PDB file of N, CA and C in Angstrom:
ATOM      1  N   MET A   1     116.379 115.163 182.816  1.00  0.00           N
ATOM      2  CA  MET A   1     115.621 116.137 183.510  1.00  0.00           C
ATOM      3  C   MET A   1     116.170 115.965 185.537  1.00  0.00           C
ATOM      4  N   SER A   2     116.086 116.941 185.978  1.00  0.00           N
ATOM      5  CA  SER A   2     117.015 117.442 187.480  1.00  0.00           C
ATOM      6  C   SER A   2     115.841 116.444 188.663  1.00  0.00           C
ATOM      7  N   ASP A   3     116.503 115.951 189.501  1.00  0.00           N
ATOM      8  CA  ASP A   3     115.809 115.422 190.588  1.00  0.00           C
ATOM      9  C   ASP A   3     115.361 116.110 191.138  1.00  0.00           C
ATOM     10  N   ASN A   4     115.242 117.987 191.226  1.00  0.00           N
ATOM     11  CA  ASN A   4     114.425 118.423 191.797  1.00  0.00           C
ATOM     12  C   ASN A   4     113.641 118.952 190.654  1.00  0.00           C
ATOM     13  N   ALA A   5     113.211 118.631 189.782  1.00  0.00           N
ATOM     14  CA  ALA A   5     111.807 118.784 189.160  1.00  0.00           C
ATOM     15  C   ALA A   5     110.595 118.778 189.715  1.00  0.00           C
ATOM     16  N   HIS A   6     109.707 119.606 189.767  1.00  0.00           N
ATOM     17  CA  HIS A   6     108.348 119.127 190.537  1.00  0.00           C
ATOM     18  C   HIS A   6     107.104 120.227 189.448  1.00  0.00           C
ATOM     19  N   ALA A   7     106.064 119.298 190.059  1.00  0.00           N
ATOM     20  CA  ALA A   7     105.156 120.289 189.110  1.00  0.00           C
ATOM     21  C   ALA A   7     103.541 119.465 189.704  1.00  0.00           C
ATOM     22  N   THR A   8     102.885 120.336 190.019  1.00  0.00           N
ATOM     23  CA  THR A   8     101.681 120.294 190.261  1.00  0.00           C
ATOM     24  C   THR A   8     100.332 119.706 189.622  1.00  0.00           C
ATOM     25  N   ILE A   9     100.082 118.711 189.224  1.00  0.00           N
ATOM     26  CA  ILE A   9      99.205 118.051 187.611  1.00  0.00           C
ATOM     27  C   ILE A   9      97.682 117.757 188.595  1.00  0.00           C
ATOM     28  N   THR A  10      96.411 118.302 188.129  1.00  0.00           N
ATOM     29  CA  THR A  10      95.433 118.236 188.678  1.00  0.00           C
ATOM     30  C   THR A  10      94.107 117.945 187.778  1.00  0.00           C
ATOM     31  N   ILE A  11      93.525 116.487 187.712  1.00  0.00           N
ATOM     32  CA  ILE A  11      92.829 116.066 186.801  1.00  0.00           C
ATOM     33  C   ILE A  11      91.406 116.121 187.060  1.00  0.00           C
ATOM     34  N   THR A  12      90.376 116.870 186.267  1.00  0.00           N
ATOM     35  CA  THR A  12      89.192 116.507 186.584  1.00  0.00           C
ATOM     36  C   THR A  12      87.910 116.625 185.443  1.00  0.00           C
ATOM     37  N   CYS A  13      87.242 115.935 185.645  1.00  0.00           N
ATOM     38  CA  CYS A  13      86.227 115.523 185.024  1.00  0.00           C
ATOM     39  C   CYS A  13      84.685 116.228 185.591  1.00  0.00           C
ATOM     40  N   VAL A  14      84.611 117.492 184.742  1.00  0.00           N
ATOM     41  CA  VAL A  14      83.377 117.964 185.149  1.00  0.00           C
ATOM     42  C   VAL A  14      82.371 118.527 183.667  1.00  0.00           C
ATOM     43  N   ASP A  15      81.322 119.021 183.600  1.00  0.00           N
ATOM     44  CA  ASP A  15      80.135 118.963 182.549  1.00  0.00           C
ATOM     45  C   ASP A  15      79.703 120.005 182.555  1.00  0.00           C
ATOM     46  N   ASN A  16      80.116 121.435 183.167  1.00  0.00           N
ATOM     47  CA  ASN A  16      79.599 122.429 183.303  1.00  0.00           C
ATOM     48  C   ASN A  16      80.297 123.135 183.893  1.00  0.00           C
ATOM     49  N   VAL A  17      80.234 124.922 183.391  1.00  0.00           N
ATOM     50  CA  VAL A  17      81.189 125.817 183.880  1.00  0.00           C
ATOM     51  C   VAL A  17      81.385 126.395 185.227  1.00  0.00           C
ATOM     52  N   PRO A  18      79.910 126.360 185.915  1.00  0.00           N
ATOM     53  CA  PRO A  18      80.247 126.475 187.005  1.00  0.00           C
ATOM     54  C   PRO A  18      81.163 125.755 187.834  1.00  0.00           C
ATOM     55  N   ALA A  19      80.732 124.257 187.506  1.00  0.00           N
ATOM     56  CA  ALA A  19      81.903 123.387 188.217  1.00  0.00           C
ATOM     57  C   ALA A  19      83.125 123.928 187.932  1.00  0.00           C
ATOM     58  N   ARG A  20      83.799 123.757 186.941  1.00  0.00           N
ATOM     59  CA  ARG A  20      84.722 124.494 186.547  1.00  0.00           C
ATOM     60  C   ARG A  20      85.430 125.926 186.927  1.00  0.00           C
ATOM     61  N   LEU A  21      84.347 126.887 187.104  1.00  0.00           N
ATOM     62  CA  LEU A  21      84.734 127.810 188.468  1.00  0.00           C
ATOM     63  C   LEU A  21      84.528 127.444 189.383  1.00  0.00           C
ATOM     64  N   GLY A  22      84.230 126.482 189.931  1.00  0.00           N
ATOM     65  CA  GLY A  22      84.364 126.281 191.358  1.00  0.00           C
ATOM     66  C   GLY A  22      85.917 125.802 191.983  1.00  0.00           C
ATOM     67  N   VAL A  23      86.207 124.987 190.882  1.00  0.00           N
ATOM     68  CA  VAL A  23      87.298 123.877 190.764  1.00  0.00           C
ATOM     69  C   VAL A  23      88.548 125.027 190.909  1.00  0.00           C
ATOM     70  N   THR A  24      88.655 125.965 189.668  1.00  0.00           N
ATOM     71  CA  THR A  24      89.544 127.215 189.353  1.00  0.00           C
ATOM     72  C   THR A  24      89.439 127.812 191.217  1.00  0.00           C
ATOM     73  N   GLU A  25      88.236 128.190 191.653  1.00  0.00           N
ATOM     74  CA  GLU A  25      88.364 129.247 193.103  1.00  0.00           C
ATOM     75  C   GLU A  25      89.472 128.079 194.163  1.00  0.00           C
ATOM     76  N   ILE A  26      88.941 126.660 193.629  1.00  0.00           N
ATOM     77  CA  ILE A  26      89.583 125.767 195.056  1.00  0.00           C
ATOM     78  C   ILE A  26      91.573 125.776 194.533  1.00  0.00           C
ATOM     79  N   LEU A  27      91.557 125.673 193.134  1.00  0.00           N
ATOM     80  CA  LEU A  27      93.229 125.374 193.224  1.00  0.00           C
ATOM     81  C   LEU A  27      93.795 126.730 193.187  1.00  0.00           C
ATOM     82  N   LYS A  28      93.272 127.753 192.980  1.00  0.00           N
ATOM     83  CA  LYS A  28      93.766 129.302 193.746  1.00  0.00           C
ATOM     84  C   LYS A  28      94.263 129.475 195.255  1.00  0.00           C
ATOM     85  N   GLU A  29      93.119 128.807 195.940  1.00  0.00           N
ATOM     86  CA  GLU A  29      92.926 128.621 197.368  1.00  0.00           C
ATOM     87  C   GLU A  29      94.125 127.682 197.642  1.00  0.00           C
ATOM     88  N   LYS A  30      94.240 126.419 196.956  1.00  0.00           N
ATOM     89  CA  LYS A  30      95.475 125.477 197.383  1.00  0.00           C
ATOM     90  C   LYS A  30      96.862 126.444 197.320  1.00  0.00           C
ATOM     91  N   SER A  31      96.712 127.092 195.965  1.00  0.00           N
ATOM     92  CA  SER A  31      98.306 127.426 195.344  1.00  0.00           C
ATOM     93  C   SER A  31      98.704 128.255 196.374  1.00  0.00           C
ATOM     94  N   ASP A  32      97.933 129.351 196.920  1.00  0.00           N
ATOM     95  CA  ASP A  32      98.470 129.932 198.026  1.00  0.00           C
ATOM     96  C   ASP A  32      98.639 129.634 199.006  1.00  0.00           C
ATOM     97  N   TYR A  33      98.825 128.082 199.559  1.00  0.00           N
ATOM     98  CA  TYR A  33      99.044 127.730 200.865  1.00  0.00           C
ATOM     99  C   TYR A  33     100.463 126.656 200.427  1.00  0.00           C
ATOM    100  N   ARG A  34     100.864 126.844 199.254  1.00  0.00           N
ATOM    101  CA  ARG A  34     101.795 125.616 198.806  1.00  0.00           C
ATOM    102  C   ARG A  34     103.792 126.771 198.758  1.00  0.00           C
ATOM    103  N   ASN A  35     104.503 126.107 199.474  1.00  0.00           N
ATOM    104  CA  ASN A  35     105.738 126.335 199.310  1.00  0.00           C
ATOM    105  C   ASN A  35     106.153 126.617 198.027  1.00  0.00           C
ATOM    106  N   TYR A  36     106.307 126.240 197.267  1.00  0.00           N
ATOM    107  CA  TYR A  36     106.853 125.857 196.183  1.00  0.00           C
ATOM    108  C   TYR A  36     105.993 126.910 194.185  1.00  0.00           C
ATOM    109  N   SER A  37     105.578 127.815 195.142  1.00  0.00           N
ATOM    110  CA  SER A  37     105.084 129.299 194.170  1.00  0.00           C
ATOM    111  C   SER A  37     105.344 129.267 192.858  1.00  0.00           C
ATOM    112  N   ASN A  38     106.626 129.078 192.968  1.00  0.00           N
ATOM    113  CA  ASN A  38     107.924 128.777 191.364  1.00  0.00           C
ATOM    114  C   ASN A  38     107.291 127.486 190.845  1.00  0.00           C
ATOM    115  N   GLU A  39     106.922 126.370 191.090  1.00  0.00           N
ATOM    116  CA  GLU A  39     106.810 125.237 190.256  1.00  0.00           C
ATOM    117  C   GLU A  39     105.613 124.986 188.839  1.00  0.00           C
ATOM    118  N   PRO A  40     105.844 124.547 188.005  1.00  0.00           N
ATOM    119  CA  PRO A  40     104.509 124.902 187.172  1.00  0.00           C
ATOM    120  C   PRO A  40     103.107 123.958 187.492  1.00  0.00           C
ATOM    121  N   LYS A  41     101.967 124.425 186.809  1.00  0.00           N
ATOM    122  CA  LYS A  41     100.619 123.815 187.730  1.00  0.00           C
ATOM    123  C   LYS A  41     100.256 123.708 186.396  1.00  0.00           C
ATOM    124  N   TYR A  42      99.601 122.430 186.128  1.00  0.00           N
ATOM    125  CA  TYR A  42      98.980 122.163 185.139  1.00  0.00           C
ATOM    126  C   TYR A  42      97.049 121.497 185.552  1.00  0.00           C
ATOM    127  N   TRP A  43      96.847 121.742 184.933  1.00  0.00           N
ATOM    128  CA  TRP A  43      94.846 121.303 185.245  1.00  0.00           C
ATOM    129  C   TRP A  43      94.472 121.114 184.064  1.00  0.00           C
ATOM    130  N   LEU A  44      93.750 119.462 183.884  1.00  0.00           N
ATOM    131  CA  LEU A  44      93.283 119.278 182.836  1.00  0.00           C
ATOM    132  C   LEU A  44      92.234 118.750 182.855  1.00  0.00           C
ATOM    133  N   ASP A  45      91.144 118.875 182.298  1.00  0.00           N
ATOM    134  CA  ASP A  45      89.812 118.410 182.664  1.00  0.00           C
ATOM    135  C   ASP A  45      89.075 117.872 181.197  1.00  0.00           C
ATOM    136  N   PHE A  46      88.806 116.676 181.357  1.00  0.00           N
ATOM    137  CA  PHE A  46      88.190 115.481 180.737  1.00  0.00           C
ATOM    138  C   PHE A  46      86.513 115.702 180.920  1.00  0.00           C
ATOM    139  N   GLY A  47      86.059 116.689 181.304  1.00  0.00           N
ATOM    140  CA  GLY A  47      84.663 117.001 180.980  1.00  0.00           C
ATOM    141  C   GLY A  47      84.114 117.202 179.441  1.00  0.00           C
ATOM    142  N   ASN A  48      82.449 117.055 179.502  1.00  0.00           N
ATOM    143  CA  ASN A  48      81.791 117.328 178.335  1.00  0.00           C
ATOM    144  C   ASN A  48      82.029 118.937 178.528  1.00  0.00           C
ATOM    145  N   SER A  49      81.826 119.544 177.699  1.00  0.00           N
ATOM    146  CA  SER A  49      81.210 121.083 177.274  1.00  0.00           C
ATOM    147  C   SER A  49      82.138 121.947 177.313  1.00  0.00           C
TER     148      SER A  49
END
């Protein structure tokens, strides 16, 4: 693996769709501020529903 390999991993635990949609908006906003727009982004949610 390259020493320059980068990824953004976000882990959440929410139990309803409105909360997930809220997280989606936050992640979209954060993504706009990143200098590394070409790096992979992963979102893992371990909540119910």
